[in-house]
């Protein structure tokens, strides 16, 4: 049993890092009131390819930067599209489709099937003295990838920044558009920054996925993780610690699917592969049901923009809704700093 738990935790640590990074970025985007980005899947794929190419050319740290930069570009594309009045949902879906197509095509051009392959050096592994001697959890921590430590560091920084810095408090205030404008907060600017952070962390997540254990790019290698991130943020209630916990839950499921390929766990391997997505579907349905029971509705304010309408006493706007006044420019239009 101890051996099984050790193997499960080792697989879970590998799977958790990309979910934590992308989840923290999506959390920042939603906390700013700019809605949710369904394009994370495509951004992660582009980030994975850019990270592998950068890592192969100049090492894994440069690869992490190139993946981050590719993700920022994806976040900028999302922000500009929504600012121009395009629908948030359709924009995200389009970015996912385009990202998957562009990454696959670029990879086939750079490394044609049957001819060449891209081999990138992996991110280094760090061992913390003392942790390796712990029972069960010690062996997985003995050589934990830098990607996981990076995810933990980003979670700590995000928790501190959102709670203790002026920029973090203003970003959270941007979700309450009318109040924020009255206080002179540049709502559009903070939501743009949030979109860039979300894109950058999604790109970094794709890079970590590619260069933590594999060292190469495979078309569609994210396997729907970009969509699982939305469930991770809901489970985490838009809190850094909650996002880490939600990512850990899905990472354990991913680890079970991996172990089911070599061990008899009582169910077909396909059942364990489907478990994370079934769980995400249940979470999203339960969240929608919860919103319905609260009496929350969405009112269209124009192309690519909705805002929450909640009866008096129902509480704060629900996670994922966009609290913006009517304006044809969408959620990224706001008054500049006074």
Protein backbone atom coordinates (compact mmCIF):
# COMPACT_ATOMS: atom_id res chain seq x y z
CA UNK A 1 0.00 0.00 0.00
CA UNK A 2 2.82 2.39 0.87
CA UNK A 3 4.48 1.72 -2.47
CA UNK A 4 1.22 2.42 -4.31
CA UNK A 5 0.71 5.72 -2.46
CA UNK A 6 4.29 6.73 -3.21
CA UNK A 7 3.83 6.08 -6.92
CA UNK A 8 0.47 7.85 -6.90
CA UNK A 9 1.89 10.94 -5.21
CA UNK A 10 4.83 11.01 -7.62
CA UNK A 11 2.47 11.00 -10.61
CA UNK A 12 0.19 13.54 -8.94
CA UNK A 13 3.03 16.01 -8.32
CA UNK A 14 3.92 15.92 -12.01
CA UNK A 15 0.30 16.43 -13.08
CA UNK A 16 -0.48 19.15 -10.54
CA UNK A 17 2.06 21.79 -11.60
CA UNK A 18 0.45 22.75 -14.97
CA UNK A 19 -3.02 22.82 -13.40
CA UNK A 20 -1.86 25.04 -10.55
CA UNK A 21 -0.11 27.53 -12.85
CA UNK A 22 -2.97 27.79 -15.34
CA UNK A 23 -5.52 27.80 -12.52
CA UNK A 24 -3.84 30.70 -10.74
CA UNK A 25 -3.83 32.72 -13.95
CA UNK A 26 -7.50 32.01 -14.58
CA UNK A 27 -8.25 32.90 -10.97
CA UNK A 28 -6.63 36.31 -11.43
CA UNK A 29 -8.65 36.89 -14.60
CA UNK A 30 -11.93 36.02 -12.90
CA UNK A 31 -11.10 38.03 -9.77
CA UNK A 32 -10.68 41.10 -12.00
CA UNK A 33 -14.25 40.68 -13.27
CA UNK A 34 -13.16 39.96 -16.84
CA UNK A 35 -15.01 36.66 -17.08
CA UNK A 36 -13.40 33.34 -17.95
CA UNK A 37 -11.08 32.35 -20.77
CA UNK A 38 -12.08 29.18 -22.61
CA UNK A 39 -8.98 29.59 -24.75
CA UNK A 40 -6.59 28.26 -22.11
CA UNK A 41 -6.36 24.89 -23.85
CA UNK A 42 -5.03 26.46 -27.05
CA UNK A 43 -2.74 28.83 -25.16
CA UNK A 44 -1.25 25.92 -23.21
CA UNK A 45 -0.56 24.04 -26.45
CA UNK A 46 1.16 27.02 -28.04
CA UNK A 47 3.11 27.58 -24.82
CA UNK A 48 4.16 23.92 -24.79
CA UNK A 49 5.50 24.12 -28.35
CA UNK A 50 7.23 27.46 -27.74
CA UNK A 51 8.72 26.12 -24.52
CA UNK A 52 10.06 22.98 -26.18
CA UNK A 53 11.59 24.99 -29.04
CA UNK A 54 13.18 27.47 -26.63
CA UNK A 55 14.44 24.70 -24.39
CA UNK A 56 15.92 22.79 -27.33
CA UNK A 57 17.66 25.94 -28.56
CA UNK A 58 18.97 27.48 -25.35
CA UNK A 59 18.03 25.39 -22.33
CA UNK A 60 14.93 24.83 -20.17
CA UNK A 61 14.99 28.23 -18.47
CA UNK A 62 14.87 30.01 -21.83
CA UNK A 63 12.17 27.54 -22.83
CA UNK A 64 10.14 28.58 -19.81
CA UNK A 65 10.47 32.22 -20.87
CA UNK A 66 9.48 31.52 -24.48
CA UNK A 67 6.45 29.55 -23.29
CA UNK A 68 5.52 32.41 -20.98
CA UNK A 69 5.88 34.92 -23.83
CA UNK A 70 3.72 32.81 -26.14
CA UNK A 71 1.08 32.64 -23.42
CA UNK A 72 1.15 36.41 -22.93
CA UNK A 73 0.54 36.81 -26.67
CA UNK A 74 -2.46 34.50 -26.35
CA UNK A 75 -3.77 36.50 -23.40
CA UNK A 76 -3.36 39.71 -25.38
CA UNK A 77 -5.30 38.19 -28.28
CA UNK A 78 -8.11 37.30 -25.89
CA UNK A 79 -8.18 40.78 -24.34
CA UNK A 80 -8.13 42.61 -27.68
CA UNK A 81 -10.84 40.38 -29.14
CA UNK A 82 -13.17 40.95 -26.21
CA UNK A 83 -12.37 44.68 -26.15
CA UNK A 84 -13.48 44.85 -29.78
CA UNK A 85 -16.86 43.50 -28.76
CA UNK A 86 -16.51 39.80 -29.55
CA UNK A 87 -18.35 37.31 -27.36
CA UNK A 88 -16.26 36.01 -24.45
CA UNK A 89 -17.28 32.38 -24.90
CA UNK A 90 -16.87 32.32 -28.67
CA UNK A 91 -13.53 34.13 -28.40
CA UNK A 92 -12.21 31.54 -25.97
CA UNK A 93 -13.37 28.61 -28.08
CA UNK A 94 -11.83 30.19 -31.18
CA UNK A 95 -8.50 30.69 -29.40
CA UNK A 96 -8.49 27.05 -28.30
CA UNK A 97 -9.18 25.82 -31.83
CA UNK A 98 -6.64 28.16 -33.40
CA UNK A 99 -4.01 27.35 -30.77
CA UNK A 100 -4.42 23.62 -31.32
CA UNK A 101 -4.25 24.02 -35.09
CA UNK A 102 -1.31 26.43 -35.13
CA UNK A 103 0.75 24.35 -32.70
CA UNK A 104 0.10 21.14 -34.64
CA UNK A 105 0.87 22.72 -38.01
CA UNK A 106 4.02 24.45 -36.76
CA UNK A 107 5.26 21.23 -35.20
CA UNK A 108 4.68 19.27 -38.42
CA UNK A 109 6.59 21.93 -40.38
CA UNK A 110 9.50 22.01 -37.93
CA UNK A 111 9.62 18.27 -37.27
CA UNK A 112 7.94 16.34 -40.12
CA UNK A 113 6.60 12.94 -39.09
CA UNK A 114 9.08 10.14 -39.67
CA UNK A 115 12.02 12.46 -40.30
CA UNK A 116 13.04 14.41 -37.24
CA UNK A 117 11.95 14.94 -33.69
CA UNK A 118 12.49 17.74 -31.21
CA UNK A 119 14.32 16.69 -28.07
CA UNK A 120 14.51 19.33 -25.35
CA UNK A 121 16.40 19.21 -22.05
CA UNK A 122 14.18 18.83 -19.00
CA UNK A 123 13.70 21.31 -16.20
CA UNK A 124 16.08 20.56 -13.33
CA UNK A 125 14.92 18.71 -10.24
CA UNK A 126 15.45 19.96 -6.72
CA UNK A 127 15.78 17.95 -3.54
CA UNK A 128 15.03 19.60 -0.21
CA UNK A 129 17.16 18.18 2.63
CA UNK A 130 15.07 16.40 5.23
CA UNK A 131 11.95 15.94 3.11
CA UNK A 132 13.32 12.90 1.29
CA UNK A 133 13.40 10.93 4.55
CA UNK A 134 9.67 11.31 5.19
CA UNK A 135 7.63 8.11 4.84
CA UNK A 136 5.48 7.65 1.71
CA UNK A 137 5.74 11.27 0.56
CA UNK A 138 9.53 11.44 0.83
CA UNK A 139 10.53 9.61 -2.38
CA UNK A 140 8.36 11.81 -4.66
CA UNK A 141 9.82 14.91 -3.01
CA UNK A 142 13.39 13.68 -3.40
CA UNK A 143 13.66 14.89 -7.00
CA UNK A 144 10.68 17.14 -7.52
CA UNK A 145 10.71 19.11 -10.76
CA UNK A 146 11.34 22.84 -10.65
CA UNK A 147 7.95 23.22 -12.33
CA UNK A 148 6.17 22.12 -9.15
CA UNK A 149 8.24 24.40 -6.94
CA UNK A 150 7.52 27.23 -9.37
CA UNK A 151 3.79 26.56 -9.11
CA UNK A 152 3.95 26.64 -5.32
CA UNK A 153 5.94 29.89 -5.40
CA UNK A 154 3.42 31.52 -7.77
CA UNK A 155 0.57 30.45 -5.47
CA UNK A 156 2.27 32.05 -2.47
CA UNK A 157 3.01 35.26 -4.38
CA UNK A 158 -0.56 35.41 -5.73
CA UNK A 159 -2.04 35.00 -2.25
CA UNK A 160 0.19 37.75 -0.88
CA UNK A 161 -0.31 40.12 -3.82
CA UNK A 162 -4.10 39.86 -3.91
CA UNK A 163 -4.41 40.38 -0.17
CA UNK A 164 -1.59 42.73 0.77
CA UNK A 165 -0.67 44.97 -2.18
CA UNK A 166 -2.38 48.01 -3.61
CA UNK A 167 -2.32 46.55 -7.12
CA UNK A 168 -3.95 43.34 -5.87
CA UNK A 169 -6.67 45.20 -4.03
CA UNK A 170 -7.36 47.36 -7.07
CA UNK A 171 -7.50 44.32 -9.33
CA UNK A 172 -10.08 42.75 -7.03
CA UNK A 173 -12.00 46.02 -6.96
CA UNK A 174 -12.13 46.03 -10.76
CA UNK A 175 -14.78 43.30 -10.51
CA UNK A 176 -17.12 45.93 -9.05
CA UNK A 177 -16.92 48.21 -12.08
CA UNK A 178 -19.09 51.13 -10.93
CA UNK A 179 -17.47 51.33 -7.50
CA UNK A 180 -14.00 50.99 -8.98
CA UNK A 181 -14.58 53.80 -11.48
CA UNK A 182 -15.82 56.07 -8.70
CA UNK A 183 -12.55 55.41 -6.88
CA UNK A 184 -10.53 56.32 -9.97
CA UNK A 185 -9.33 52.79 -10.73
CA UNK A 186 -8.43 52.07 -14.36
CA UNK A 187 -10.69 49.04 -14.70
CA UNK A 188 -9.76 48.31 -18.32
CA UNK A 189 -6.05 48.45 -17.51
CA UNK A 190 -6.28 46.05 -14.60
CA UNK A 191 -8.42 43.62 -16.57
CA UNK A 192 -5.92 43.76 -19.42
CA UNK A 193 -3.09 42.98 -17.01
CA UNK A 194 -5.15 40.11 -15.59
CA UNK A 195 -5.68 38.70 -19.09
CA UNK A 196 -1.94 38.88 -19.79
CA UNK A 197 -1.16 37.16 -16.48
CA UNK A 198 -3.69 34.43 -17.23
CA UNK A 199 -2.24 33.89 -20.69
CA UNK A 200 1.35 33.96 -19.48
CA UNK A 201 0.76 31.42 -16.73
CA UNK A 202 -1.16 29.19 -19.15
CA UNK A 203 1.79 29.30 -21.54
CA UNK A 204 4.18 28.52 -18.69
CA UNK A 205 1.89 25.65 -17.67
CA UNK A 206 2.15 24.21 -21.16
CA UNK A 207 5.93 24.47 -21.02
CA UNK A 208 6.08 22.77 -17.62
CA UNK A 209 3.88 19.99 -18.96
CA UNK A 210 6.23 19.45 -21.90
CA UNK A 211 9.66 19.81 -20.32
CA UNK A 212 9.15 18.38 -16.83
CA UNK A 213 9.18 14.71 -17.83
CA UNK A 214 8.67 14.34 -21.60
CA UNK A 215 11.13 16.72 -23.22
CA UNK A 216 9.27 17.00 -26.50
CA UNK A 217 6.02 18.28 -27.99
CA UNK A 218 3.08 16.14 -29.06
CA UNK A 219 0.03 17.62 -30.80
CA UNK A 220 -2.88 17.76 -28.37
CA UNK A 221 -0.64 16.83 -25.45
CA UNK A 222 -2.63 18.98 -22.99
CA UNK A 223 -5.49 16.49 -23.24
CA UNK A 224 -8.20 18.94 -22.18
CA UNK A 225 -6.34 20.28 -19.14
CA UNK A 226 -7.12 23.82 -20.22
CA UNK A 227 -10.81 23.11 -19.71
CA UNK A 228 -10.23 21.28 -16.42
CA UNK A 229 -8.68 24.50 -15.13
CA UNK A 230 -12.13 26.12 -15.09
CA UNK A 231 -13.37 23.43 -12.70
CA UNK A 232 -10.21 23.83 -10.63
CA UNK A 233 -10.95 27.54 -10.13
CA UNK A 234 -14.58 26.83 -9.22
CA UNK A 235 -13.57 24.19 -6.68
CA UNK A 236 -10.97 26.59 -5.29
CA UNK A 237 -13.55 29.40 -4.99
CA UNK A 238 -11.13 31.78 -6.70
CA UNK A 239 -8.62 31.53 -3.86
CA UNK A 240 -4.93 30.59 -4.38
CA UNK A 241 -5.02 27.90 -1.71
CA UNK A 242 -8.27 26.56 -3.08
CA UNK A 243 -6.84 26.45 -6.60
CA UNK A 244 -3.89 24.41 -5.33
CA UNK A 245 -6.28 22.02 -3.57
CA UNK A 246 -8.50 21.70 -6.65
CA UNK A 247 -5.49 21.05 -8.85
CA UNK A 248 -4.28 18.40 -6.40
CA UNK A 249 -7.65 16.64 -6.63
CA UNK A 250 -7.50 16.39 -10.41
CA UNK A 251 -3.80 15.51 -10.28
CA UNK A 252 -4.55 12.49 -8.08
CA UNK A 253 -7.17 11.38 -10.60
CA UNK A 254 -4.61 11.78 -13.36
CA UNK A 255 -2.16 9.72 -11.33
CA UNK A 256 -4.73 6.96 -10.92
CA UNK A 257 -5.23 6.89 -14.70
CA UNK A 258 -1.48 6.56 -15.18
CA UNK A 259 -1.11 3.75 -12.65
CA UNK A 260 -4.13 1.94 -14.07
CA UNK A 261 -2.11 1.30 -17.23
CA UNK A 262 0.30 -0.96 -15.34
CA UNK A 263 -1.77 -2.16 -12.37
CA UNK A 264 -5.17 -3.72 -11.86
CA UNK A 265 -7.13 -1.10 -9.93
CA UNK A 266 -10.48 -2.78 -10.28
CA UNK A 267 -11.84 -0.69 -13.15
CA UNK A 268 -10.96 -0.40 -16.84
CA UNK A 269 -8.19 2.06 -17.64
CA UNK A 270 -10.63 4.14 -19.68
CA UNK A 271 -12.76 4.72 -16.59
CA UNK A 272 -9.84 6.33 -14.76
CA UNK A 273 -9.00 8.45 -17.79
CA UNK A 274 -12.60 9.69 -17.90
CA UNK A 275 -12.79 10.37 -14.16
CA UNK A 276 -11.28 13.92 -14.19
CA UNK A 277 -13.55 15.06 -17.00
CA UNK A 278 -16.63 13.50 -15.42
CA UNK A 279 -15.74 15.22 -12.16
CA UNK A 280 -15.29 18.54 -13.98
CA UNK A 281 -18.70 18.11 -15.62
CA UNK A 282 -20.32 17.42 -12.25
CA UNK A 283 -18.61 20.46 -10.72
CA UNK A 284 -19.74 22.75 -13.54
CA UNK A 285 -23.31 21.43 -13.38
CA UNK A 286 -23.39 21.80 -9.60
CA UNK A 287 -22.04 25.33 -9.90
CA UNK A 288 -24.70 26.23 -12.45
CA UNK A 289 -27.36 24.72 -10.19
CA UNK A 290 -26.04 26.73 -7.26
CA UNK A 291 -26.21 29.94 -9.28
CA UNK A 292 -29.76 29.11 -10.34
CA UNK A 293 -30.86 28.48 -6.76
CA UNK A 294 -29.40 31.81 -5.69
CA UNK A 295 -31.57 33.42 -8.32
CA UNK A 296 -28.63 34.89 -10.24
CA UNK A 297 -29.23 35.70 -13.86
CA UNK A 298 -27.10 37.24 -16.57
CA UNK A 299 -28.15 40.33 -18.44
CA UNK A 300 -26.65 41.02 -21.83
CA UNK A 301 -25.01 44.42 -22.00
CA UNK A 302 -23.77 44.14 -25.54
CA UNK A 303 -21.53 41.93 -27.65
CA UNK A 304 -19.11 39.88 -25.58
CA UNK A 305 -20.35 41.18 -22.25
CA UNK A 306 -22.72 40.19 -19.49
CA UNK A 307 -23.15 41.28 -15.92
CA UNK A 308 -24.57 39.62 -12.87
CA UNK A 309 -28.06 40.46 -11.70
CA UNK A 310 -28.57 39.21 -8.16
CA UNK A 311 -31.62 39.87 -6.00
CA UNK A 312 -31.05 42.00 -2.89
CA UNK A 313 -29.48 40.01 -0.11
CA UNK A 314 -28.25 37.26 -2.42
CA UNK A 315 -24.61 38.10 -1.82
CA UNK A 316 -21.72 39.03 -4.06
CA UNK A 317 -21.69 38.32 -7.81
CA UNK A 318 -20.93 34.72 -8.64
CA UNK A 319 -17.48 33.60 -9.76
CA UNK A 320 -17.00 33.80 -13.48
CA UNK A 321 -19.59 36.50 -14.15
CA UNK A 322 -18.59 39.86 -15.56
CA UNK A 323 -19.73 42.85 -13.58
CA UNK A 324 -19.58 45.64 -16.16
CA UNK A 325 -21.82 48.53 -17.15
CA UNK A 326 -23.34 48.68 -20.63
CA UNK A 327 -20.74 49.56 -23.21
CA UNK A 328 -20.14 48.26 -26.74
CA UNK A 329 -16.43 47.85 -26.08
CA UNK A 330 -16.99 44.99 -23.60
CA UNK A 331 -15.36 44.22 -20.31
CA UNK A 332 -11.97 45.71 -21.17
CA UNK A 333 -13.33 49.23 -21.54
CA UNK A 334 -13.00 51.43 -18.52
CA UNK A 335 -12.12 54.87 -17.33
CA UNK A 336 -8.42 55.72 -17.00
CA UNK A 337 -6.86 56.69 -13.73
CA UNK A 338 -7.80 60.13 -12.59
